[in-house]
Structures are given as C-alpha cells and as structure tokens.
Amino acid sequence: MVEVVYFAWVRERIGLPRERVETGAATVADLVAELAAREPRYAAAFADLGALRVALDQELAEFDAPLAGVREVAFFPPMTGG
C-alpha cells in the first residue's frame, strides 16, 4: 500500500488530494500506468508525463525509479521561479 498525493492541476483533474493505493507496480511509471487505466480522469491527469514531476518520500525522483519500500508518491507540475 502506498500513499499517493496529488498537487495543483493534477489534484484538480483527479478530484482528490490524496489516496491510498494497493499496487504491484515496480516503478513509478508502472504505477502511473495502473492509475491512468482506472478512469478517464486519471488518464487525463497522466496524459503528458513531460508536464509532471514526481517525489518519492519527499525526494525528487524519475519515473523509472523503483517503488520498493516507498511509502509516499507525490505528483505535481514543474515549479518555476520568478
């Protein structure tokens, strides 16, 4: 079981700030595929991975990162300064 947290427009598209997910995914990309297959709202949120960033247990990560031992996965848009 992993806690999945959504920020900004990702949260708006999915309609949830967070959820606990039972998954057999080995990597973040595998988890994204599982989530996107759930419903159209998830598919819309994960349609362009280039517009998303991910953090595992509050550390920035890549989509090919393993999920073994991870408790929290957070998805959010890239941050800009200014």
Protein backbone atom coordinates (compact mmCIF):
# COMPACT_ATOMS: atom_id res chain seq x y z
CA MET A 1 0.00 0.00 0.00
CA VAL A 2 1.33 3.42 -0.95
CA GLU A 3 0.02 6.91 -0.22
CA VAL A 4 -0.37 8.86 -3.48
CA VAL A 5 -0.55 12.64 -3.21
CA TYR A 6 -1.66 14.98 -6.00
CA PHE A 7 -0.87 18.71 -6.23
CA ALA A 8 -2.10 21.66 -8.32
CA TRP A 9 -3.84 20.77 -11.62
CA VAL A 10 -3.15 17.05 -11.10
CA ARG A 11 -5.38 17.19 -7.99
CA GLU A 12 -7.99 19.20 -9.91
CA ARG A 13 -8.17 16.66 -12.75
CA ILE A 14 -8.32 13.63 -10.48
CA GLY A 15 -10.57 15.28 -7.90
CA LEU A 16 -8.66 14.02 -4.86
CA PRO A 17 -5.80 15.47 -2.83
CA ARG A 18 -4.51 12.02 -1.84
CA GLU A 19 -5.42 8.36 -1.72
CA ARG A 20 -4.02 5.05 -0.52
CA VAL A 21 -3.34 2.70 -3.41
CA GLU A 22 -2.79 -1.03 -3.36
CA THR A 23 -0.29 -1.64 -6.15
CA GLY A 24 2.03 -4.26 -7.53
CA ALA A 25 3.91 -1.63 -9.55
CA ALA A 26 7.69 -1.97 -9.60
CA THR A 27 8.39 1.60 -10.75
CA VAL A 28 6.73 4.99 -10.77
CA ALA A 29 5.98 4.52 -14.48
CA ASP A 30 4.21 1.24 -13.69
CA LEU A 31 2.12 2.99 -11.03
CA VAL A 32 1.23 5.76 -13.47
CA ALA A 33 0.08 3.13 -15.99
CA GLU A 34 -2.09 1.48 -13.33
CA LEU A 35 -3.62 4.79 -12.29
CA ALA A 36 -4.18 6.01 -15.87
CA ALA A 37 -6.06 2.79 -16.65
CA ARG A 38 -8.53 3.35 -13.79
CA GLU A 39 -10.77 6.07 -15.21
CA PRO A 40 -10.68 8.89 -17.78
CA ARG A 41 -9.91 11.50 -15.09
CA TYR A 42 -6.69 9.66 -14.21
CA ALA A 43 -5.82 9.19 -17.87
CA ALA A 44 -6.24 12.95 -18.39
CA ALA A 45 -4.03 13.78 -15.41
CA PHE A 46 -1.24 11.48 -16.60
CA ALA A 47 -1.55 12.11 -20.35
CA ASP A 48 1.66 14.16 -20.57
CA LEU A 49 4.38 12.92 -18.23
CA GLY A 50 6.65 15.67 -19.52
CA ALA A 51 4.41 18.10 -17.64
CA LEU A 52 4.73 16.19 -14.36
CA ARG A 53 7.30 15.71 -11.66
CA VAL A 54 7.35 13.02 -9.01
CA ALA A 55 8.70 12.74 -5.48
CA LEU A 56 9.16 9.54 -3.52
CA ASP A 57 9.04 10.02 0.25
CA GLN A 58 9.56 13.76 -0.38
CA GLU A 59 12.68 13.30 -2.56
CA LEU A 60 12.57 14.24 -6.25
CA ALA A 61 12.72 11.15 -8.45
CA GLU A 62 12.41 9.97 -12.04
CA PHE A 63 9.57 7.92 -13.49
CA ASP A 64 11.83 4.87 -13.81
CA ALA A 65 12.58 4.93 -10.06
CA PRO A 66 11.71 1.75 -8.12
CA LEU A 67 8.83 1.81 -5.65
CA ALA A 68 10.20 -0.86 -3.28
CA GLY A 69 9.99 0.45 0.27
CA VAL A 70 8.38 3.76 -0.77
CA ARG A 71 5.56 4.99 1.48
CA GLU A 72 4.52 8.17 -0.38
CA VAL A 73 4.42 9.11 -4.06
CA ALA A 74 3.62 12.72 -4.94
CA PHE A 75 2.76 14.03 -8.41
CA PHE A 76 2.99 17.74 -9.22
CA PRO A 77 3.69 20.11 -12.13
CA PRO A 78 7.19 21.53 -12.57
CA MET A 79 7.89 24.52 -10.37
CA THR A 80 9.09 27.79 -11.81
CA GLY A 81 10.78 30.67 -10.13
CA GLY A 82 10.11 34.31 -10.57
